[in-house]
C-alpha atoms as a PDB file:
ATOM      1  CA  UNK A   1       7.547  70.078  71.267  1.00  0.00           C
ATOM      2  CA  UNK A   2       7.452  66.921  69.397  1.00  0.00           C
ATOM      3  CA  UNK A   3      10.760  64.775  69.930  1.00  0.00           C
ATOM      4  CA  UNK A   4      10.995  63.207  66.318  1.00  0.00           C
ATOM      5  CA  UNK A   5      13.161  66.123  64.980  1.00  0.00           C
ATOM      6  CA  UNK A   6      17.052  66.189  65.466  1.00  0.00           C
ATOM      7  CA  UNK A   7      17.993  68.933  67.886  1.00  0.00           C
ATOM      8  CA  UNK A   8      20.425  70.314  65.479  1.00  0.00           C
ATOM      9  CA  UNK A   9      17.416  70.310  62.904  1.00  0.00           C
ATOM     10  CA  UNK A  10      15.132  72.299  65.570  1.00  0.00           C
ATOM     11  CA  UNK A  11      18.027  75.040  66.441  1.00  0.00           C
ATOM     12  CA  UNK A  12      18.259  75.249  62.918  1.00  0.00           C
ATOM     13  CA  UNK A  13      14.653  76.145  61.968  1.00  0.00           C
ATOM     14  CA  UNK A  14      14.591  78.412  65.289  1.00  0.00           C
ATOM     15  CA  UNK A  15      17.751  80.294  63.909  1.00  0.00           C
ATOM     16  CA  UNK A  16      15.736  80.775  60.553  1.00  0.00           C
ATOM     17  CA  UNK A  17      12.823  82.084  62.436  1.00  0.00           C
ATOM     18  CA  UNK A  18      14.599  84.114  64.803  1.00  0.00           C
ATOM     19  CA  UNK A  19      16.228  85.989  61.765  1.00  0.00           C
ATOM     20  CA  UNK A  20      12.521  87.228  60.582  1.00  0.00           C
ATOM     21  CA  UNK A  21      11.465  87.744  63.853  1.00  0.00           C
ATOM     22  CA  UNK A  22      14.333  90.013  65.370  1.00  0.00           C
ATOM     23  CA  UNK A  23      16.745  91.354  62.429  1.00  0.00           C
ATOM     24  CA  UNK A  24      15.802  94.159  60.249  1.00  0.00           C
ATOM     25  CA  UNK A  25      14.205  93.561  56.884  1.00  0.00           C
ATOM     26  CA  UNK A  26      15.192  92.736  54.246  1.00  0.00           C
ATOM     27  CA  UNK A  27      15.172  89.392  55.284  1.00  0.00           C
ATOM     28  CA  UNK A  28      17.615  87.111  53.499  1.00  0.00           C
ATOM     29  CA  UNK A  29      15.333  84.229  54.300  1.00  0.00           C
ATOM     30  CA  UNK A  30      11.708  84.506  55.173  1.00  0.00           C
ATOM     31  CA  UNK A  31      10.843  81.185  56.987  1.00  0.00           C
ATOM     32  CA  UNK A  32       8.889  80.663  60.379  1.00  0.00           C
ATOM     33  CA  UNK A  33       7.430  77.644  59.155  1.00  0.00           C
ATOM     34  CA  UNK A  34      10.130  74.973  60.385  1.00  0.00           C
ATOM     35  CA  UNK A  35       9.356  76.077  64.340  1.00  0.00           C
ATOM     36  CA  UNK A  36       5.694  75.214  63.370  1.00  0.00           C
ATOM     37  CA  UNK A  37       6.255  71.966  62.105  1.00  0.00           C
ATOM     38  CA  UNK A  38       8.650  71.403  65.393  1.00  0.00           C
ATOM     39  CA  UNK A  39       5.421  72.117  67.146  1.00  0.00           C
ATOM     40  CA  UNK A  40       6.729  75.045  69.228  1.00  0.00           C
ATOM     41  CA  UNK A  41       4.222  77.247  70.711  1.00  0.00           C
ATOM     42  CA  UNK A  42       4.920  80.845  72.292  1.00  0.00           C
ATOM     43  CA  UNK A  43       7.842  82.797  72.217  1.00  0.00           C
ATOM     44  CA  UNK A  44       9.822  81.302  75.318  1.00  0.00           C
ATOM     45  CA  UNK A  45      12.249  79.592  72.997  1.00  0.00           C
ATOM     46  CA  UNK A  46      13.808  82.784  72.221  1.00  0.00           C
ATOM     47  CA  UNK A  47      15.024  82.943  75.671  1.00  0.00           C
ATOM     48  CA  UNK A  48      17.096  79.814  75.035  1.00  0.00           C
ATOM     49  CA  UNK A  49      20.910  80.593  75.514  1.00  0.00           C
ATOM     50  CA  UNK A  50      21.519  79.250  71.862  1.00  0.00           C
ATOM     51  CA  UNK A  51      19.054  81.936  70.712  1.00  0.00           C
ATOM     52  CA  UNK A  52      20.766  84.685  72.222  1.00  0.00           C
ATOM     53  CA  UNK A  53      20.512  87.661  69.488  1.00  0.00           C
ATOM     54  CA  UNK A  54      24.013  88.964  69.675  1.00  0.00           C
ATOM     55  CA  UNK A  55      26.236  85.543  70.368  1.00  0.00           C
ATOM     56  CA  UNK A  56      24.148  83.863  67.799  1.00  0.00           C
ATOM     57  CA  UNK A  57      24.647  86.713  65.193  1.00  0.00           C
ATOM     58  CA  UNK A  58      26.827  84.842  62.880  1.00  0.00           C
ATOM     59  CA  UNK A  59      25.218  81.630  63.343  1.00  0.00           C
ATOM     60  CA  UNK A  60      21.894  82.770  62.095  1.00  0.00           C
ATOM     61  CA  UNK A  61      23.291  84.649  59.329  1.00  0.00           C
ATOM     62  CA  UNK A  62      25.191  81.541  58.003  1.00  0.00           C
ATOM     63  CA  UNK A  63      22.275  79.249  58.341  1.00  0.00           C
ATOM     64  CA  UNK A  64      19.985  81.771  56.045  1.00  0.00           C
ATOM     65  CA  UNK A  65      22.652  82.410  53.787  1.00  0.00           C
ATOM     66  CA  UNK A  66      23.656  79.143  52.660  1.00  0.00           C
ATOM     67  CA  UNK A  67      19.761  78.385  52.311  1.00  0.00           C
ATOM     68  CA  UNK A  68      19.205  81.162  50.246  1.00  0.00           C
ATOM     69  CA  UNK A  69      22.132  80.469  48.105  1.00  0.00           C
ATOM     70  CA  UNK A  70      20.965  77.284  47.471  1.00  0.00           C
ATOM     71  CA  UNK A  71      17.377  77.949  46.814  1.00  0.00           C
ATOM     72  CA  UNK A  72      18.652  80.786  44.312  1.00  0.00           C
ATOM     73  CA  UNK A  73      20.486  77.878  42.591  1.00  0.00           C
ATOM     74  CA  UNK A  74      17.009  75.880  42.358  1.00  0.00           C
ATOM     75  CA  UNK A  75      15.091  79.062  40.962  1.00  0.00           C
ATOM     76  CA  UNK A  76      17.811  80.267  38.528  1.00  0.00           C
ATOM     77  CA  UNK A  77      18.377  77.079  36.996  1.00  0.00           C
ATOM     78  CA  UNK A  78      14.666  76.069  36.481  1.00  0.00           C
ATOM     79  CA  UNK A  79      14.988  73.070  38.374  1.00  0.00           C
ATOM     80  CA  UNK A  80      12.155  70.633  37.662  1.00  0.00           C
ATOM     81  CA  UNK A  81      13.399  68.367  40.577  1.00  0.00           C
ATOM     82  CA  UNK A  82      15.158  69.066  44.099  1.00  0.00           C
ATOM     83  CA  UNK A  83      16.660  66.711  46.389  1.00  0.00           C
ATOM     84  CA  UNK A  84      17.385  67.751  50.057  1.00  0.00           C
ATOM     85  CA  UNK A  85      19.655  65.660  51.828  1.00  0.00           C
ATOM     86  CA  UNK A  86      19.661  65.722  55.708  1.00  0.00           C
ATOM     87  CA  UNK A  87      16.439  67.619  55.189  1.00  0.00           C
ATOM     88  CA  UNK A  88      15.400  67.892  58.743  1.00  0.00           C
ATOM     89  CA  UNK A  89      12.888  70.951  59.202  1.00  0.00           C
ATOM     90  CA  UNK A  90      13.489  72.415  55.786  1.00  0.00           C
ATOM     91  CA  UNK A  91      10.748  74.160  54.224  1.00  0.00           C
ATOM     92  CA  UNK A  92      11.155  75.017  50.401  1.00  0.00           C
ATOM     93  CA  UNK A  93       8.228  72.808  49.333  1.00  0.00           C
ATOM     94  CA  UNK A  94       5.747  74.817  51.378  1.00  0.00           C
ATOM     95  CA  UNK A  95       7.620  78.472  50.673  1.00  0.00           C
ATOM     96  CA  UNK A  96       8.066  77.757  47.204  1.00  0.00           C
ATOM     97  CA  UNK A  97       5.665  79.047  44.612  1.00  0.00           C
ATOM     98  CA  UNK A  98       6.945  77.163  41.438  1.00  0.00           C
ATOM     99  CA  UNK A  99       6.598  73.723  40.322  1.00  0.00           C
ATOM    100  CA  UNK A 100       9.547  72.237  41.581  1.00  0.00           C
ATOM    101  CA  UNK A 101       9.153  68.579  43.007  1.00  0.00           C
ATOM    102  CA  UNK A 102      11.007  68.378  46.297  1.00  0.00           C
ATOM    103  CA  UNK A 103      12.534  64.934  47.441  1.00  0.00           C
ATOM    104  CA  UNK A 104      13.113  65.300  51.113  1.00  0.00           C
ATOM    105  CA  UNK A 105      15.898  62.545  52.385  1.00  0.00           C
ATOM    106  CA  UNK A 106      16.267  61.680  55.823  1.00  0.00           C
ATOM    107  CA  UNK A 107      16.069  58.936  58.418  1.00  0.00           C
ATOM    108  CA  UNK A 108      12.991  56.922  58.488  1.00  0.00           C
ATOM    109  CA  UNK A 109      11.918  57.803  62.021  1.00  0.00           C
ATOM    110  CA  UNK A 110      12.594  61.586  61.246  1.00  0.00           C
ATOM    111  CA  UNK A 111      10.470  61.450  58.016  1.00  0.00           C
ATOM    112  CA  UNK A 112       7.488  59.465  59.771  1.00  0.00           C
ATOM    113  CA  UNK A 113       7.276  62.071  62.332  1.00  0.00           C
ATOM    114  CA  UNK A 114       7.725  64.820  59.793  1.00  0.00           C
ATOM    115  CA  UNK A 115       4.864  63.426  57.714  1.00  0.00           C
ATOM    116  CA  UNK A 116       2.507  63.203  60.813  1.00  0.00           C
ATOM    117  CA  UNK A 117       3.278  66.862  61.588  1.00  0.00           C
ATOM    118  CA  UNK A 118       2.918  68.140  57.727  1.00  0.00           C
ATOM    119  CA  UNK A 119      -0.501  66.291  57.801  1.00  0.00           C
ATOM    120  CA  UNK A 120      -1.930  67.729  61.003  1.00  0.00           C
ATOM    121  CA  UNK A 121      -0.795  71.068  59.810  1.00  0.00           C
ATOM    122  CA  UNK A 122      -2.196  70.546  56.244  1.00  0.00           C
ATOM    123  CA  UNK A 123       1.181  71.579  54.779  1.00  0.00           C
ATOM    124  CA  UNK A 124       2.115  67.680  53.246  1.00  0.00           C
ATOM    125  CA  UNK A 125       1.414  68.758  49.705  1.00  0.00           C
ATOM    126  CA  UNK A 126       1.855  65.116  48.135  1.00  0.00           C
ATOM    127  CA  UNK A 127       1.676  66.435  44.672  1.00  0.00           C
ATOM    128  CA  UNK A 128       5.014  68.398  45.185  1.00  0.00           C
ATOM    129  CA  UNK A 129       6.865  67.083  48.101  1.00  0.00           C
ATOM    130  CA  UNK A 130       8.131  63.451  48.646  1.00  0.00           C
ATOM    131  CA  UNK A 131       9.613  62.307  52.041  1.00  0.00           C
ATOM    132  CA  UNK A 132      12.013  59.841  51.399  1.00  0.00           C
ATOM    133  CA  UNK A 133      12.995  57.701  54.515  1.00  0.00           C
ATOM    134  CA  UNK A 134      16.739  56.334  53.976  1.00  0.00           C
ATOM    135  CA  UNK A 135      18.451  54.180  56.574  1.00  0.00           C
ATOM    136  CA  UNK A 136      22.089  55.232  56.039  1.00  0.00           C
ATOM    137  CA  UNK A 137      23.455  53.148  58.787  1.00  0.00           C
ATOM    138  CA  UNK A 138      21.964  50.092  57.034  1.00  0.00           C
ATOM    139  CA  UNK A 139      23.543  50.921  53.706  1.00  0.00           C
ATOM    140  CA  UNK A 140      20.612  51.978  51.821  1.00  0.00           C
ATOM    141  CA  UNK A 141      21.215  54.511  48.888  1.00  0.00           C
ATOM    142  CA  UNK A 142      19.464  57.697  48.740  1.00  0.00           C
ATOM    143  CA  UNK A 143      19.552  57.991  45.306  1.00  0.00           C
ATOM    144  CA  UNK A 144      17.673  54.194  44.874  1.00  0.00           C
ATOM    145  CA  UNK A 145      14.960  55.310  47.309  1.00  0.00           C
ATOM    146  CA  UNK A 146      14.629  58.608  45.719  1.00  0.00           C
ATOM    147  CA  UNK A 147      14.039  57.148  42.249  1.00  0.00           C
ATOM    148  CA  UNK A 148      11.949  54.900  44.089  1.00  0.00           C
ATOM    149  CA  UNK A 149       9.852  57.740  45.352  1.00  0.00           C
ATOM    150  CA  UNK A 150       9.451  59.161  41.824  1.00  0.00           C
ATOM    151  CA  UNK A 151      12.720  61.016  41.005  1.00  0.00           C
ATOM    152  CA  UNK A 152      13.732  60.846  37.216  1.00  0.00           C
ATOM    153  CA  UNK A 153      17.535  60.467  37.396  1.00  0.00           C
ATOM    154  CA  UNK A 154      17.310  61.340  33.441  1.00  0.00           C
ATOM    155  CA  UNK A 155      16.126  65.256  34.297  1.00  0.00           C
ATOM    156  CA  UNK A 156      18.737  67.594  35.536  1.00  0.00           C
ATOM    157  CA  UNK A 157      18.036  67.795  39.259  1.00  0.00           C
ATOM    158  CA  UNK A 158      19.605  70.116  42.198  1.00  0.00           C
ATOM    159  CA  UNK A 159      20.816  68.178  45.016  1.00  0.00           C
ATOM    160  CA  UNK A 160      21.604  69.858  48.199  1.00  0.00           C
ATOM    161  CA  UNK A 161      23.368  68.847  51.459  1.00  0.00           C
ATOM    162  CA  UNK A 162      23.508  71.658  54.213  1.00  0.00           C
ATOM    163  CA  UNK A 163      25.099  71.554  57.499  1.00  0.00           C
ATOM    164  CA  UNK A 164      25.637  67.756  56.856  1.00  0.00           C
ATOM    165  CA  UNK A 165      29.390  67.282  56.030  1.00  0.00           C
ATOM    166  CA  UNK A 166      30.822  68.037  59.181  1.00  0.00           C
ATOM    167  CA  UNK A 167      28.985  65.050  60.654  1.00  0.00           C
ATOM    168  CA  UNK A 168      30.386  62.430  57.663  1.00  0.00           C
ATOM    169  CA  UNK A 169      33.425  60.803  56.925  1.00  0.00           C
ATOM    170  CA  UNK A 170      35.425  61.889  53.556  1.00  0.00           C
ATOM    171  CA  UNK A 171      34.397  58.431  52.481  1.00  0.00           C
ATOM    172  CA  UNK A 172      30.884  58.913  53.267  1.00  0.00           C
ATOM    173  CA  UNK A 173      30.908  62.328  51.565  1.00  0.00           C
ATOM    174  CA  UNK A 174      32.490  60.939  48.579  1.00  0.00           C
ATOM    175  CA  UNK A 175      30.049  58.275  48.061  1.00  0.00           C
ATOM    176  CA  UNK A 176      26.964  60.714  48.217  1.00  0.00           C
ATOM    177  CA  UNK A 177      28.700  63.164  45.868  1.00  0.00           C
ATOM    178  CA  UNK A 178      29.488  60.231  43.504  1.00  0.00           C
ATOM    179  CA  UNK A 179      25.372  59.422  43.638  1.00  0.00           C
ATOM    180  CA  UNK A 180      24.826  62.969  42.542  1.00  0.00           C
ATOM    181  CA  UNK A 181      27.254  63.243  39.903  1.00  0.00           C
ATOM    182  CA  UNK A 182      25.649  60.063  38.519  1.00  0.00           C
ATOM    183  CA  UNK A 183      22.418  62.167  37.609  1.00  0.00           C
ATOM    184  CA  UNK A 184      21.679  63.779  34.310  1.00  0.00           C
ATOM    185  CA  UNK A 185      23.841  66.265  32.539  1.00  0.00           C
ATOM    186  CA  UNK A 186      23.317  69.770  33.950  1.00  0.00           C
ATOM    187  CA  UNK A 187      22.213  68.496  37.370  1.00  0.00           C
ATOM    188  CA  UNK A 188      23.933  70.591  40.368  1.00  0.00           C
ATOM    189  CA  UNK A 189      25.069  69.330  43.909  1.00  0.00           C
ATOM    190  CA  UNK A 190      25.283  72.354  46.247  1.00  0.00           C
ATOM    191  CA  UNK A 191      27.031  71.181  49.856  1.00  0.00           C
ATOM    192  CA  UNK A 192      27.891  73.415  52.616  1.00  0.00           C
ATOM    193  CA  UNK A 193      31.452  72.818  54.390  1.00  0.00           C
ATOM    194  CA  UNK A 194      32.848  73.971  57.751  1.00  0.00           C
ATOM    195  CA  UNK A 195      36.600  74.939  57.457  1.00  0.00           C
ATOM    196  CA  UNK A 196      38.899  73.969  60.310  1.00  0.00           C
ATOM    197  CA  UNK A 197      38.768  76.277  63.213  1.00  0.00           C
ATOM    198  CA  UNK A 198      42.165  77.458  62.909  1.00  0.00           C
ATOM    199  CA  UNK A 199      41.368  78.734  59.673  1.00  0.00           C
ATOM    200  CA  UNK A 200      38.260  80.937  60.760  1.00  0.00           C
ATOM    201  CA  UNK A 201      38.820  84.512  61.913  1.00  0.00           C
ATOM    202  CA  UNK A 202      39.877  84.810  65.582  1.00  0.00           C
ATOM    203  CA  UNK A 203      36.652  86.397  66.635  1.00  0.00           C
ATOM    204  CA  UNK A 204      34.516  83.377  65.222  1.00  0.00           C
ATOM    205  CA  UNK A 205      36.863  80.721  66.800  1.00  0.00           C
ATOM    206  CA  UNK A 206      35.192  80.959  70.264  1.00  0.00           C
ATOM    207  CA  UNK A 207      31.608  80.196  68.765  1.00  0.00           C
ATOM    208  CA  UNK A 208      33.261  77.283  66.521  1.00  0.00           C
ATOM    209  CA  UNK A 209      34.802  75.701  69.478  1.00  0.00           C
ATOM    210  CA  UNK A 210      31.739  75.730  71.502  1.00  0.00           C
ATOM    211  CA  UNK A 211      29.746  74.486  68.989  1.00  0.00           C
ATOM    212  CA  UNK A 212      32.245  71.482  67.993  1.00  0.00           C
ATOM    213  CA  UNK A 213      32.048  70.701  71.745  1.00  0.00           C
ATOM    214  CA  UNK A 214      28.423  70.937  71.977  1.00  0.00           C
ATOM    215  CA  UNK A 215      28.257  68.447  68.825  1.00  0.00           C
ATOM    216  CA  UNK A 216      30.526  65.847  70.577  1.00  0.00           C
ATOM    217  CA  UNK A 217      28.594  65.933  73.818  1.00  0.00           C
ATOM    218  CA  UNK A 218      25.505  65.208  71.937  1.00  0.00           C
ATOM    219  CA  UNK A 219      26.863  62.099  70.120  1.00  0.00           C
ATOM    220  CA  UNK A 220      27.354  63.780  66.796  1.00  0.00           C
ATOM    221  CA  UNK A 221      30.970  64.811  66.638  1.00  0.00           C
ATOM    222  CA  UNK A 222      32.511  66.897  63.878  1.00  0.00           C
ATOM    223  CA  UNK A 223      34.409  64.294  61.714  1.00  0.00           C
ATOM    224  CA  UNK A 224      35.216  66.390  58.469  1.00  0.00           C
ATOM    225  CA  UNK A 225      36.162  69.914  58.416  1.00  0.00           C
ATOM    226  CA  UNK A 226      37.508  70.953  54.974  1.00  0.00           C
ATOM    227  CA  UNK A 227      39.657  73.590  53.669  1.00  0.00           C
ATOM    228  CA  UNK A 228      38.288  74.991  50.332  1.00  0.00           C
ATOM    229  CA  UNK A 229      40.859  72.921  48.118  1.00  0.00           C
ATOM    230  CA  UNK A 230      39.950  69.703  49.970  1.00  0.00           C
ATOM    231  CA  UNK A 231      36.137  70.288  49.249  1.00  0.00           C
ATOM    232  CA  UNK A 232      36.935  71.366  45.643  1.00  0.00           C
ATOM    233  CA  UNK A 233      39.106  67.760  45.241  1.00  0.00           C
ATOM    234  CA  UNK A 234      36.075  65.763  46.630  1.00  0.00           C
ATOM    235  CA  UNK A 235      33.599  66.860  44.341  1.00  0.00           C
ATOM    236  CA  UNK A 236      36.027  66.753  41.181  1.00  0.00           C
ATOM    237  CA  UNK A 237      36.737  63.307  42.312  1.00  0.00           C
ATOM    238  CA  UNK A 238      33.676  62.055  42.512  1.00  0.00           C
ATOM    239  CA  UNK A 239      32.738  62.897  38.940  1.00  0.00           C
ATOM    240  CA  UNK A 240      31.437  66.523  39.198  1.00  0.00           C
ATOM    241  CA  UNK A 241      32.845  68.675  35.845  1.00  0.00           C
ATOM    242  CA  UNK A 242      32.290  71.995  36.895  1.00  0.00           C
ATOM    243  CA  UNK A 243      33.345  73.065  40.907  1.00  0.00           C
ATOM    244  CA  UNK A 244      32.890  76.692  42.164  1.00  0.00           C
ATOM    245  CA  UNK A 245      33.141  77.440  45.807  1.00  0.00           C
ATOM    246  CA  UNK A 246      31.038  80.450  47.245  1.00  0.00           C
ATOM    247  CA  UNK A 247      33.147  81.424  50.590  1.00  0.00           C
ATOM    248  CA  UNK A 248      31.226  83.117  53.519  1.00  0.00           C
ATOM    249  CA  UNK A 249      32.721  86.316  52.323  1.00  0.00           C
ATOM    250  CA  UNK A 250      31.063  85.900  48.816  1.00  0.00           C
ATOM    251  CA  UNK A 251      27.973  85.422  50.818  1.00  0.00           C
ATOM    252  CA  UNK A 252      28.306  88.432  52.607  1.00  0.00           C
ATOM    253  CA  UNK A 253      28.842  90.276  49.553  1.00  0.00           C
ATOM    254  CA  UNK A 254      25.835  88.606  47.902  1.00  0.00           C
ATOM    255  CA  UNK A 255      23.474  88.991  50.766  1.00  0.00           C
ATOM    256  CA  UNK A 256      24.739  91.309  53.531  1.00  0.00           C
ATOM    257  CA  UNK A 257      26.690  94.235  51.941  1.00  0.00           C
ATOM    258  CA  UNK A 258      24.156  96.798  52.218  1.00  0.00           C
ATOM    259  CA  UNK A 259      23.056  95.916  55.684  1.00  0.00           C
ATOM    260  CA  UNK A 260      23.314  98.339  58.584  1.00  0.00           C
ATOM    261  CA  UNK A 261      22.743  95.781  61.881  1.00  0.00           C
ATOM    262  CA  UNK A 262      26.301  94.003  61.353  1.00  0.00           C
ATOM    263  CA  UNK A 263      24.647  90.907  60.432  1.00  0.00           C
ATOM    264  CA  UNK A 264      27.302  88.807  58.656  1.00  0.00           C
ATOM    265  CA  UNK A 265      27.799  84.948  57.602  1.00  0.00           C
ATOM    266  CA  UNK A 266      31.571  85.765  57.375  1.00  0.00           C
ATOM    267  CA  UNK A 267      33.609  82.763  58.859  1.00  0.00           C
ATOM    268  CA  UNK A 268      30.756  80.762  58.869  1.00  0.00           C
ATOM    269  CA  UNK A 269      30.119  77.675  56.304  1.00  0.00           C
ATOM    270  CA  UNK A 270      31.228  77.972  52.803  1.00  0.00           C
ATOM    271  CA  UNK A 271      29.478  76.447  49.468  1.00  0.00           C
ATOM    272  CA  UNK A 272      30.510  74.387  46.668  1.00  0.00           C
ATOM    273  CA  UNK A 273      28.452  74.297  43.749  1.00  0.00           C
ATOM    274  CA  UNK A 274      29.416  71.352  41.639  1.00  0.00           C
ATOM    275  CA  UNK A 275      27.596  70.721  38.030  1.00  0.00           C
ATOM    276  CA  UNK A 276      27.753  67.656  36.208  1.00  0.00           C
ATOM    277  CA  UNK A 277      28.954  67.757  32.548  1.00  0.00           C
ATOM    278  CA  UNK A 278      27.251  68.042  29.139  1.00  0.00           C
ATOM    279  CA  UNK A 279      25.039  70.986  29.823  1.00  0.00           C
END
């Protein structure tokens, strides 16, 4: 496996693929492309402790639920432009059959590596996909870079930020949301957030505590765990006119209610769906 992708992004891609490979259909999200991009061969990766089918049931459910809900927003809104912040090994541009222009934003080294991998696999799709390198540590603006890459800020756009807020300070979250709120009327920001561990169901807390410890040990500590009212306030204060929370319970009811294999995102990340005014 190539070393260009962040370990968290690789694990997310594996969970998305694991859902397809071991869970009963219908699948909430059908995505095995991410592991191909990561350069993972064979099926030995399924033996990793963090891929245990039972122990990671809630993790992979939450991962595929947040992605599916976000992609449904893109489709339902008929979006012409979609910006993926902290894109990692996202594969919407490769799986979508529509005409959405996708702008994937991530660190320069990650984007250079991903460009090479997509090119090698014949998946670069330059007419649909723009890989946008942004050095956040140097203070670069993701919006300025995306506009330079061809994003039209006058066209309603969907922006997503999944699995990222817990690694950011509240100030950094606010700055990111303000940039998205400056886009054309009718633009939508979808971001996920994790609640404080003490707010999670008792059976989920050990999983979250282990994840938090692992994140800290890897040098990526969790900085912002948000209660729903805090997440709503951040979006409203950033300038969004309409702000809705989609809880993990809502995601369960939307995508998992009729399943018989005990898969559920309950207790995982919630989503905020925030829309700019003037629709």
